[in-house]
Amino acid sequence: MSLPIPTKPDLRTAALARRSALSEAYRDEAARALATHPFPLTVTPGAIVAGYSPIRSEIDPVRLMQSLAARGAELALPVVVARDEPLLFRAWDTANVLVAGSLGILEPSPDAPPVAPDILLVPLAAFDRAGHRIGYGAGHYDRTFAQLRAVKSFTAIGVAFDTQEIAAIPMQPHDVALDFVLTETRVIDFRSK
Protein backbone atom coordinates (compact mmCIF):
# COMPACT_ATOMS: atom_id res chain seq x y z
CA MET A 1 0.00 0.00 0.00
CA SER A 2 1.47 3.33 -1.04
CA LEU A 3 1.30 6.47 1.04
CA PRO A 4 -0.88 9.30 -0.26
CA ILE A 5 0.96 12.10 -2.06
CA PRO A 6 0.83 15.26 0.05
CA THR A 7 -1.28 18.07 -1.39
CA LYS A 8 -0.20 21.71 -1.59
CA PRO A 9 -2.34 22.59 1.45
CA ASP A 10 -0.67 19.75 3.42
CA LEU A 11 2.81 20.89 2.35
CA ARG A 12 1.94 24.53 3.14
CA THR A 13 0.67 23.65 6.61
CA ALA A 14 3.78 21.61 7.47
CA ALA A 15 6.20 24.26 6.15
CA LEU A 16 4.41 27.08 7.98
CA ALA A 17 4.48 25.07 11.21
CA ARG A 18 8.27 24.63 10.88
CA ARG A 19 8.66 28.34 10.14
CA SER A 20 6.47 29.37 13.07
CA ALA A 21 8.48 27.14 15.42
CA LEU A 22 11.59 29.28 14.84
CA SER A 23 12.35 31.56 17.76
CA GLU A 24 12.02 35.32 17.47
CA ALA A 25 15.77 35.63 18.08
CA TYR A 26 16.53 33.20 15.25
CA ARG A 27 14.18 35.04 12.86
CA ASP A 28 15.83 38.35 13.72
CA GLU A 29 19.33 36.93 13.17
CA ALA A 30 18.19 35.41 9.85
CA ALA A 31 16.92 38.81 8.68
CA ARG A 32 20.32 40.31 9.53
CA ALA A 33 22.06 37.54 7.58
CA LEU A 34 19.91 38.23 4.50
CA ALA A 35 21.11 41.83 4.47
CA THR A 36 24.79 40.97 4.85
CA HIS A 37 25.16 38.03 2.45
CA PRO A 38 26.15 38.87 -1.13
CA PHE A 39 23.10 39.67 -3.27
CA PRO A 40 22.90 37.46 -6.40
CA LEU A 41 22.40 40.35 -8.84
CA THR A 42 24.07 43.64 -9.59
CA VAL A 43 21.70 46.35 -8.44
CA THR A 44 22.02 49.34 -10.71
CA PRO A 45 21.06 52.82 -9.49
CA GLY A 46 17.36 53.41 -10.12
CA ALA A 47 16.48 49.69 -10.28
CA ILE A 48 13.11 49.14 -8.59
CA VAL A 49 13.17 46.46 -5.91
CA ALA A 50 9.78 45.42 -4.54
CA GLY A 51 9.82 43.67 -1.21
CA TYR A 52 6.96 42.98 1.17
CA SER A 53 5.76 43.85 4.65
CA PRO A 54 6.29 40.68 6.68
CA ILE A 55 3.29 39.03 8.27
CA ARG A 56 3.06 36.21 10.78
CA SER A 57 6.47 34.49 11.02
CA GLU A 58 7.81 35.49 7.56
CA ILE A 59 11.47 36.36 7.28
CA ASP A 60 11.71 40.15 7.38
CA PRO A 61 13.23 41.61 4.17
CA VAL A 62 13.40 45.24 5.35
CA ARG A 63 17.12 45.23 6.27
CA LEU A 64 17.89 43.64 2.88
CA MET A 65 15.77 46.27 1.15
CA GLN A 66 17.58 49.05 3.04
CA SER A 67 20.91 47.54 1.97
CA LEU A 68 19.78 47.55 -1.67
CA ALA A 69 18.52 51.13 -1.36
CA ALA A 70 21.98 52.13 -0.11
CA ARG A 71 23.30 50.83 -3.47
CA GLY A 72 20.88 53.05 -5.36
CA ALA A 73 17.80 50.86 -5.68
CA GLU A 74 14.36 52.44 -5.46
CA LEU A 75 12.02 50.51 -3.18
CA ALA A 76 8.41 49.43 -3.55
CA LEU A 77 5.87 47.38 -1.64
CA PRO A 78 2.84 45.43 -2.85
CA VAL A 79 -0.75 46.49 -2.44
CA VAL A 80 -3.60 43.98 -2.52
CA VAL A 81 -6.12 45.55 -4.89
CA ALA A 82 -8.82 42.87 -4.75
CA ARG A 83 -9.31 39.13 -4.44
CA ASP A 84 -8.27 37.26 -7.62
CA GLU A 85 -6.34 40.31 -8.92
CA PRO A 86 -2.60 40.84 -9.43
CA LEU A 87 -0.79 42.94 -6.87
CA LEU A 88 -0.10 46.61 -7.48
CA PHE A 89 3.31 47.95 -6.43
CA ARG A 90 3.72 51.44 -4.99
CA ALA A 91 6.97 53.33 -4.43
CA TRP A 92 8.16 53.30 -0.84
CA ASP A 93 10.92 55.03 1.06
CA THR A 94 11.79 53.66 4.49
CA ALA A 95 11.06 57.10 5.95
CA ASN A 96 7.43 56.93 4.73
CA VAL A 97 4.72 55.77 7.10
CA LEU A 98 2.86 52.65 5.99
CA VAL A 99 -0.89 52.17 6.29
CA ALA A 100 -2.90 49.00 6.90
CA GLY A 101 -4.32 47.69 3.63
CA SER A 102 -7.51 45.73 3.02
CA LEU A 103 -6.02 42.56 4.57
CA GLY A 104 -4.37 44.41 7.44
CA ILE A 105 -0.93 44.20 5.79
CA LEU A 106 1.16 47.37 5.91
CA GLU A 107 1.51 49.08 2.51
CA PRO A 108 2.37 52.51 1.07
CA SER A 109 -0.34 55.14 1.13
CA PRO A 110 -2.66 55.41 -1.89
CA ASP A 111 -0.92 58.61 -3.01
CA ALA A 112 2.43 56.79 -3.50
CA PRO A 113 3.05 56.34 -7.24
CA PRO A 114 2.59 52.90 -8.81
CA VAL A 115 5.78 51.30 -10.18
CA ALA A 116 6.81 48.16 -12.07
CA PRO A 117 9.60 46.29 -10.24
CA ASP A 118 12.83 45.07 -11.81
CA ILE A 119 13.49 42.76 -8.86
CA LEU A 120 10.69 41.19 -6.89
CA LEU A 121 11.35 39.78 -3.40
CA VAL A 122 8.63 37.18 -2.87
CA PRO A 123 7.37 35.79 0.45
CA LEU A 124 6.44 32.12 0.46
CA ALA A 125 5.32 29.19 2.55
CA ALA A 126 7.59 26.58 0.92
CA PHE A 127 10.01 26.11 -1.98
CA ASP A 128 11.77 23.22 -3.70
CA ARG A 129 15.08 22.82 -5.57
CA ALA A 130 13.36 23.35 -8.93
CA GLY A 131 12.41 26.92 -8.01
CA HIS A 132 8.76 26.17 -7.39
CA ARG A 133 7.01 27.88 -4.51
CA ILE A 134 3.90 27.49 -2.45
CA GLY A 135 2.31 30.74 -1.38
CA TYR A 136 -0.69 31.20 0.85
CA GLY A 137 -3.23 29.97 -1.67
CA ALA A 138 -4.72 33.23 -2.97
CA GLY A 139 -2.65 33.23 -6.19
CA HIS A 140 -1.74 36.92 -6.00
CA TYR A 141 1.91 36.39 -6.95
CA ASP A 142 1.16 33.93 -9.79
CA ARG A 143 -1.20 36.49 -11.36
CA THR A 144 1.29 39.28 -10.67
CA PHE A 145 4.13 37.38 -12.37
CA ALA A 146 1.98 36.81 -15.46
CA GLN A 147 0.90 40.46 -15.63
CA LEU A 148 4.42 41.84 -15.09
CA ARG A 149 6.07 39.46 -17.57
CA ALA A 150 3.67 40.74 -20.23
CA VAL A 151 5.09 44.25 -19.76
CA LYS A 152 8.75 43.86 -18.76
CA SER A 153 11.50 41.52 -17.74
CA PHE A 154 12.08 41.14 -13.99
CA THR A 155 13.78 38.78 -11.57
CA ALA A 156 11.70 36.88 -9.01
CA ILE A 157 13.55 36.07 -5.80
CA GLY A 158 11.89 34.00 -3.09
CA VAL A 159 12.86 34.93 0.46
CA ALA A 160 12.58 32.21 3.08
CA PHE A 161 14.16 30.33 5.94
CA ASP A 162 16.11 27.14 5.18
CA THR A 163 13.46 25.14 7.02
CA GLN A 164 10.88 26.05 4.36
CA GLU A 165 12.61 23.94 1.69
CA ILE A 166 10.73 20.76 0.77
CA ALA A 167 11.58 17.89 -1.59
CA ALA A 168 9.07 18.63 -4.36
CA ILE A 169 6.04 20.79 -5.00
CA PRO A 170 3.22 19.53 -7.22
CA MET A 171 2.93 22.10 -9.99
CA GLN A 172 -0.13 23.36 -11.82
CA PRO A 173 -0.13 25.12 -15.23
CA HIS A 174 -0.57 28.61 -13.70
CA ASP A 175 2.33 28.21 -11.25
CA VAL A 176 5.43 30.26 -12.04
CA ALA A 177 8.96 29.32 -10.95
CA LEU A 178 11.33 31.64 -9.12
CA ASP A 179 14.72 32.74 -10.45
CA PHE A 180 16.41 32.53 -7.03
CA VAL A 181 15.69 31.80 -3.38
CA LEU A 182 17.55 33.63 -0.61
CA THR A 183 17.67 32.06 2.83
CA GLU A 184 19.60 32.92 5.96
CA THR A 185 22.49 30.70 4.76
CA ARG A 186 22.20 30.29 0.98
CA VAL A 187 21.53 31.78 -2.42
CA ILE A 188 19.93 29.17 -4.68
CA ASP A 189 20.01 29.96 -8.41
CA PHE A 190 17.29 28.28 -10.51
CA ARG A 191 17.90 30.14 -13.78
CA SER A 192 19.81 27.32 -15.48
CA LYS A 193 17.38 24.55 -14.46
C-alpha atoms as a PDB file:
ATOM      1  CA  MET A   1       0.000   0.000   0.000  1.00  0.00           C
ATOM      2  CA  SER A   2       1.471   3.333  -1.043  1.00  0.00           C
ATOM      3  CA  LEU A   3       1.299   6.468   1.042  1.00  0.00           C
ATOM      4  CA  PRO A   4      -0.878   9.297  -0.263  1.00  0.00           C
ATOM      5  CA  ILE A   5       0.958  12.095  -2.062  1.00  0.00           C
ATOM      6  CA  PRO A   6       0.833  15.257   0.046  1.00  0.00           C
ATOM      7  CA  THR A   7      -1.276  18.071  -1.387  1.00  0.00           C
ATOM      8  CA  LYS A   8      -0.201  21.711  -1.589  1.00  0.00           C
ATOM      9  CA  PRO A   9      -2.341  22.586   1.451  1.00  0.00           C
ATOM     10  CA  ASP A  10      -0.670  19.750   3.419  1.00  0.00           C
ATOM     11  CA  LEU A  11       2.806  20.895   2.349  1.00  0.00           C
ATOM     12  CA  ARG A  12       1.937  24.528   3.136  1.00  0.00           C
ATOM     13  CA  THR A  13       0.667  23.646   6.615  1.00  0.00           C
ATOM     14  CA  ALA A  14       3.784  21.607   7.471  1.00  0.00           C
ATOM     15  CA  ALA A  15       6.205  24.259   6.148  1.00  0.00           C
ATOM     16  CA  LEU A  16       4.406  27.079   7.979  1.00  0.00           C
ATOM     17  CA  ALA A  17       4.480  25.068  11.208  1.00  0.00           C
ATOM     18  CA  ARG A  18       8.266  24.628  10.878  1.00  0.00           C
ATOM     19  CA  ARG A  19       8.664  28.344  10.137  1.00  0.00           C
ATOM     20  CA  SER A  20       6.470  29.375  13.071  1.00  0.00           C
ATOM     21  CA  ALA A  21       8.481  27.135  15.418  1.00  0.00           C
ATOM     22  CA  LEU A  22      11.590  29.275  14.840  1.00  0.00           C
ATOM     23  CA  SER A  23      12.349  31.562  17.762  1.00  0.00           C
ATOM     24  CA  GLU A  24      12.019  35.324  17.469  1.00  0.00           C
ATOM     25  CA  ALA A  25      15.772  35.634  18.082  1.00  0.00           C
ATOM     26  CA  TYR A  26      16.525  33.196  15.247  1.00  0.00           C
ATOM     27  CA  ARG A  27      14.179  35.040  12.859  1.00  0.00           C
ATOM     28  CA  ASP A  28      15.831  38.351  13.717  1.00  0.00           C
ATOM     29  CA  GLU A  29      19.333  36.934  13.167  1.00  0.00           C
ATOM     30  CA  ALA A  30      18.194  35.406   9.845  1.00  0.00           C
ATOM     31  CA  ALA A  31      16.918  38.811   8.680  1.00  0.00           C
ATOM     32  CA  ARG A  32      20.320  40.312   9.533  1.00  0.00           C
ATOM     33  CA  ALA A  33      22.059  37.538   7.582  1.00  0.00           C
ATOM     34  CA  LEU A  34      19.911  38.230   4.500  1.00  0.00           C
ATOM     35  CA  ALA A  35      21.110  41.832   4.472  1.00  0.00           C
ATOM     36  CA  THR A  36      24.794  40.974   4.854  1.00  0.00           C
ATOM     37  CA  HIS A  37      25.163  38.030   2.447  1.00  0.00           C
ATOM     38  CA  PRO A  38      26.148  38.867  -1.134  1.00  0.00           C
ATOM     39  CA  PHE A  39      23.100  39.671  -3.267  1.00  0.00           C
ATOM     40  CA  PRO A  40      22.901  37.464  -6.399  1.00  0.00           C
ATOM     41  CA  LEU A  41      22.396  40.346  -8.837  1.00  0.00           C
ATOM     42  CA  THR A  42      24.066  43.638  -9.591  1.00  0.00           C
ATOM     43  CA  VAL A  43      21.698  46.347  -8.441  1.00  0.00           C
ATOM     44  CA  THR A  44      22.016  49.344 -10.714  1.00  0.00           C
ATOM     45  CA  PRO A  45      21.060  52.823  -9.491  1.00  0.00           C
ATOM     46  CA  GLY A  46      17.362  53.405 -10.121  1.00  0.00           C
ATOM     47  CA  ALA A  47      16.477  49.687 -10.278  1.00  0.00           C
ATOM     48  CA  ILE A  48      13.113  49.137  -8.594  1.00  0.00           C
ATOM     49  CA  VAL A  49      13.174  46.461  -5.909  1.00  0.00           C
ATOM     50  CA  ALA A  50       9.778  45.417  -4.544  1.00  0.00           C
ATOM     51  CA  GLY A  51       9.817  43.673  -1.213  1.00  0.00           C
ATOM     52  CA  TYR A  52       6.958  42.979   1.174  1.00  0.00           C
ATOM     53  CA  SER A  53       5.757  43.845   4.652  1.00  0.00           C
ATOM     54  CA  PRO A  54       6.290  40.678   6.685  1.00  0.00           C
ATOM     55  CA  ILE A  55       3.291  39.028   8.275  1.00  0.00           C
ATOM     56  CA  ARG A  56       3.063  36.207  10.783  1.00  0.00           C
ATOM     57  CA  SER A  57       6.469  34.494  11.021  1.00  0.00           C
ATOM     58  CA  GLU A  58       7.806  35.493   7.562  1.00  0.00           C
ATOM     59  CA  ILE A  59      11.473  36.360   7.278  1.00  0.00           C
ATOM     60  CA  ASP A  60      11.711  40.154   7.385  1.00  0.00           C
ATOM     61  CA  PRO A  61      13.227  41.605   4.175  1.00  0.00           C
ATOM     62  CA  VAL A  62      13.400  45.242   5.351  1.00  0.00           C
ATOM     63  CA  ARG A  63      17.123  45.228   6.268  1.00  0.00           C
ATOM     64  CA  LEU A  64      17.887  43.635   2.882  1.00  0.00           C
ATOM     65  CA  MET A  65      15.774  46.274   1.147  1.00  0.00           C
ATOM     66  CA  GLN A  66      17.583  49.045   3.043  1.00  0.00           C
ATOM     67  CA  SER A  67      20.914  47.544   1.970  1.00  0.00           C
ATOM     68  CA  LEU A  68      19.778  47.546  -1.671  1.00  0.00           C
ATOM     69  CA  ALA A  69      18.522  51.130  -1.360  1.00  0.00           C
ATOM     70  CA  ALA A  70      21.984  52.133  -0.107  1.00  0.00           C
ATOM     71  CA  ARG A  71      23.296  50.826  -3.468  1.00  0.00           C
ATOM     72  CA  GLY A  72      20.883  53.051  -5.364  1.00  0.00           C
ATOM     73  CA  ALA A  73      17.798  50.856  -5.675  1.00  0.00           C
ATOM     74  CA  GLU A  74      14.359  52.445  -5.460  1.00  0.00           C
ATOM     75  CA  LEU A  75      12.019  50.514  -3.179  1.00  0.00           C
ATOM     76  CA  ALA A  76       8.410  49.433  -3.552  1.00  0.00           C
ATOM     77  CA  LEU A  77       5.867  47.380  -1.636  1.00  0.00           C
ATOM     78  CA  PRO A  78       2.836  45.428  -2.846  1.00  0.00           C
ATOM     79  CA  VAL A  79      -0.754  46.494  -2.443  1.00  0.00           C
ATOM     80  CA  VAL A  80      -3.599  43.977  -2.521  1.00  0.00           C
ATOM     81  CA  VAL A  81      -6.118  45.548  -4.886  1.00  0.00           C
ATOM     82  CA  ALA A  82      -8.818  42.872  -4.748  1.00  0.00           C
ATOM     83  CA  ARG A  83      -9.314  39.134  -4.444  1.00  0.00           C
ATOM     84  CA  ASP A  84      -8.270  37.264  -7.623  1.00  0.00           C
ATOM     85  CA  GLU A  85      -6.343  40.305  -8.918  1.00  0.00           C
ATOM     86  CA  PRO A  86      -2.604  40.839  -9.426  1.00  0.00           C
ATOM     87  CA  LEU A  87      -0.789  42.941  -6.870  1.00  0.00           C
ATOM     88  CA  LEU A  88      -0.095  46.606  -7.479  1.00  0.00           C
ATOM     89  CA  PHE A  89       3.306  47.955  -6.432  1.00  0.00           C
ATOM     90  CA  ARG A  90       3.724  51.440  -4.993  1.00  0.00           C
ATOM     91  CA  ALA A  91       6.969  53.330  -4.429  1.00  0.00           C
ATOM     92  CA  TRP A  92       8.159  53.295  -0.840  1.00  0.00           C
ATOM     93  CA  ASP A  93      10.917  55.034   1.062  1.00  0.00           C
ATOM     94  CA  THR A  94      11.791  53.658   4.491  1.00  0.00           C
ATOM     95  CA  ALA A  95      11.057  57.102   5.945  1.00  0.00           C
ATOM     96  CA  ASN A  96       7.434  56.930   4.727  1.00  0.00           C
ATOM     97  CA  VAL A  97       4.715  55.774   7.097  1.00  0.00           C
ATOM     98  CA  LEU A  98       2.862  52.654   5.993  1.00  0.00           C
ATOM     99  CA  VAL A  99      -0.893  52.172   6.294  1.00  0.00           C
ATOM    100  CA  ALA A 100      -2.896  49.003   6.899  1.00  0.00           C
ATOM    101  CA  GLY A 101      -4.316  47.686   3.634  1.00  0.00           C
ATOM    102  CA  SER A 102      -7.509  45.730   3.017  1.00  0.00           C
ATOM    103  CA  LEU A 103      -6.021  42.557   4.566  1.00  0.00           C
ATOM    104  CA  GLY A 104      -4.369  44.412   7.440  1.00  0.00           C
ATOM    105  CA  ILE A 105      -0.930  44.200   5.786  1.00  0.00           C
ATOM    106  CA  LEU A 106       1.159  47.373   5.907  1.00  0.00           C
ATOM    107  CA  GLU A 107       1.511  49.081   2.507  1.00  0.00           C
ATOM    108  CA  PRO A 108       2.371  52.506   1.068  1.00  0.00           C
ATOM    109  CA  SER A 109      -0.341  55.137   1.132  1.00  0.00           C
ATOM    110  CA  PRO A 110      -2.664  55.412  -1.888  1.00  0.00           C
ATOM    111  CA  ASP A 111      -0.920  58.610  -3.006  1.00  0.00           C
ATOM    112  CA  ALA A 112       2.433  56.789  -3.503  1.00  0.00           C
ATOM    113  CA  PRO A 113       3.052  56.338  -7.237  1.00  0.00           C
ATOM    114  CA  PRO A 114       2.587  52.899  -8.809  1.00  0.00           C
ATOM    115  CA  VAL A 115       5.777  51.297 -10.183  1.00  0.00           C
ATOM    116  CA  ALA A 116       6.810  48.155 -12.074  1.00  0.00           C
ATOM    117  CA  PRO A 117       9.599  46.293 -10.240  1.00  0.00           C
ATOM    118  CA  ASP A 118      12.827  45.073 -11.812  1.00  0.00           C
ATOM    119  CA  ILE A 119      13.495  42.758  -8.864  1.00  0.00           C
ATOM    120  CA  LEU A 120      10.686  41.194  -6.895  1.00  0.00           C
ATOM    121  CA  LEU A 121      11.347  39.779  -3.398  1.00  0.00           C
ATOM    122  CA  VAL A 122       8.628  37.183  -2.867  1.00  0.00           C
ATOM    123  CA  PRO A 123       7.372  35.794   0.450  1.00  0.00           C
ATOM    124  CA  LEU A 124       6.437  32.123   0.457  1.00  0.00           C
ATOM    125  CA  ALA A 125       5.318  29.194   2.550  1.00  0.00           C
ATOM    126  CA  ALA A 126       7.587  26.580   0.922  1.00  0.00           C
ATOM    127  CA  PHE A 127      10.009  26.114  -1.983  1.00  0.00           C
ATOM    128  CA  ASP A 128      11.769  23.225  -3.702  1.00  0.00           C
ATOM    129  CA  ARG A 129      15.079  22.815  -5.572  1.00  0.00           C
ATOM    130  CA  ALA A 130      13.355  23.349  -8.933  1.00  0.00           C
ATOM    131  CA  GLY A 131      12.407  26.925  -8.011  1.00  0.00           C
ATOM    132  CA  HIS A 132       8.760  26.168  -7.392  1.00  0.00           C
ATOM    133  CA  ARG A 133       7.012  27.881  -4.507  1.00  0.00           C
ATOM    134  CA  ILE A 134       3.898  27.486  -2.451  1.00  0.00           C
ATOM    135  CA  GLY A 135       2.308  30.743  -1.384  1.00  0.00           C
ATOM    136  CA  TYR A 136      -0.685  31.200   0.852  1.00  0.00           C
ATOM    137  CA  GLY A 137      -3.234  29.973  -1.671  1.00  0.00           C
ATOM    138  CA  ALA A 138      -4.725  33.233  -2.974  1.00  0.00           C
ATOM    139  CA  GLY A 139      -2.652  33.228  -6.190  1.00  0.00           C
ATOM    140  CA  HIS A 140      -1.741  36.916  -5.997  1.00  0.00           C
ATOM    141  CA  TYR A 141       1.909  36.386  -6.946  1.00  0.00           C
ATOM    142  CA  ASP A 142       1.159  33.934  -9.789  1.00  0.00           C
ATOM    143  CA  ARG A 143      -1.203  36.494 -11.356  1.00  0.00           C
ATOM    144  CA  THR A 144       1.292  39.284 -10.667  1.00  0.00           C
ATOM    145  CA  PHE A 145       4.133  37.376 -12.366  1.00  0.00           C
ATOM    146  CA  ALA A 146       1.983  36.809 -15.461  1.00  0.00           C
ATOM    147  CA  GLN A 147       0.900  40.461 -15.626  1.00  0.00           C
ATOM    148  CA  LEU A 148       4.419  41.839 -15.087  1.00  0.00           C
ATOM    149  CA  ARG A 149       6.067  39.461 -17.574  1.00  0.00           C
ATOM    150  CA  ALA A 150       3.666  40.744 -20.229  1.00  0.00           C
ATOM    151  CA  VAL A 151       5.090  44.251 -19.761  1.00  0.00           C
ATOM    152  CA  LYS A 152       8.745  43.861 -18.760  1.00  0.00           C
ATOM    153  CA  SER A 153      11.500  41.521 -17.737  1.00  0.00           C
ATOM    154  CA  PHE A 154      12.075  41.143 -13.994  1.00  0.00           C
ATOM    155  CA  THR A 155      13.782  38.782 -11.572  1.00  0.00           C
ATOM    156  CA  ALA A 156      11.696  36.884  -9.009  1.00  0.00           C
ATOM    157  CA  ILE A 157      13.551  36.069  -5.795  1.00  0.00           C
ATOM    158  CA  GLY A 158      11.892  33.998  -3.087  1.00  0.00           C
ATOM    159  CA  VAL A 159      12.857  34.935   0.460  1.00  0.00           C
ATOM    160  CA  ALA A 160      12.579  32.209   3.078  1.00  0.00           C
ATOM    161  CA  PHE A 161      14.160  30.326   5.943  1.00  0.00           C
ATOM    162  CA  ASP A 162      16.113  27.140   5.182  1.00  0.00           C
ATOM    163  CA  THR A 163      13.465  25.138   7.023  1.00  0.00           C
ATOM    164  CA  GLN A 164      10.883  26.052   4.358  1.00  0.00           C
ATOM    165  CA  GLU A 165      12.606  23.936   1.688  1.00  0.00           C
ATOM    166  CA  ILE A 166      10.735  20.755   0.774  1.00  0.00           C
ATOM    167  CA  ALA A 167      11.577  17.887  -1.594  1.00  0.00           C
ATOM    168  CA  ALA A 168       9.073  18.627  -4.359  1.00  0.00           C
ATOM    169  CA  ILE A 169       6.041  20.792  -4.995  1.00  0.00           C
ATOM    170  CA  PRO A 170       3.222  19.535  -7.220  1.00  0.00           C
ATOM    171  CA  MET A 171       2.933  22.104  -9.991  1.00  0.00           C
ATOM    172  CA  GLN A 172      -0.130  23.364 -11.818  1.00  0.00           C
ATOM    173  CA  PRO A 173      -0.132  25.122 -15.229  1.00  0.00           C
ATOM    174  CA  HIS A 174      -0.574  28.611 -13.703  1.00  0.00           C
ATOM    175  CA  ASP A 175       2.329  28.205 -11.248  1.00  0.00           C
ATOM    176  CA  VAL A 176       5.427  30.262 -12.039  1.00  0.00           C
ATOM    177  CA  ALA A 177       8.960  29.316 -10.955  1.00  0.00           C
ATOM    178  CA  LEU A 178      11.328  31.640  -9.118  1.00  0.00           C
ATOM    179  CA  ASP A 179      14.721  32.743 -10.449  1.00  0.00           C
ATOM    180  CA  PHE A 180      16.411  32.533  -7.026  1.00  0.00           C
ATOM    181  CA  VAL A 181      15.687  31.804  -3.379  1.00  0.00           C
ATOM    182  CA  LEU A 182      17.546  33.626  -0.614  1.00  0.00           C
ATOM    183  CA  THR A 183      17.667  32.064   2.829  1.00  0.00           C
ATOM    184  CA  GLU A 184      19.600  32.921   5.959  1.00  0.00           C
ATOM    185  CA  THR A 185      22.488  30.698   4.763  1.00  0.00           C
ATOM    186  CA  ARG A 186      22.201  30.294   0.981  1.00  0.00           C
ATOM    187  CA  VAL A 187      21.534  31.778  -2.421  1.00  0.00           C
ATOM    188  CA  ILE A 188      19.925  29.170  -4.682  1.00  0.00           C
ATOM    189  CA  ASP A 189      20.006  29.958  -8.413  1.00  0.00           C
ATOM    190  CA  PHE A 190      17.290  28.283 -10.513  1.00  0.00           C
ATOM    191  CA  ARG A 191      17.899  30.136 -13.782  1.00  0.00           C
ATOM    192  CA  SER A 192      19.806  27.316 -15.476  1.00  0.00           C
ATOM    193  CA  LYS A 193      17.377  24.553 -14.463  1.00  0.00           C
END
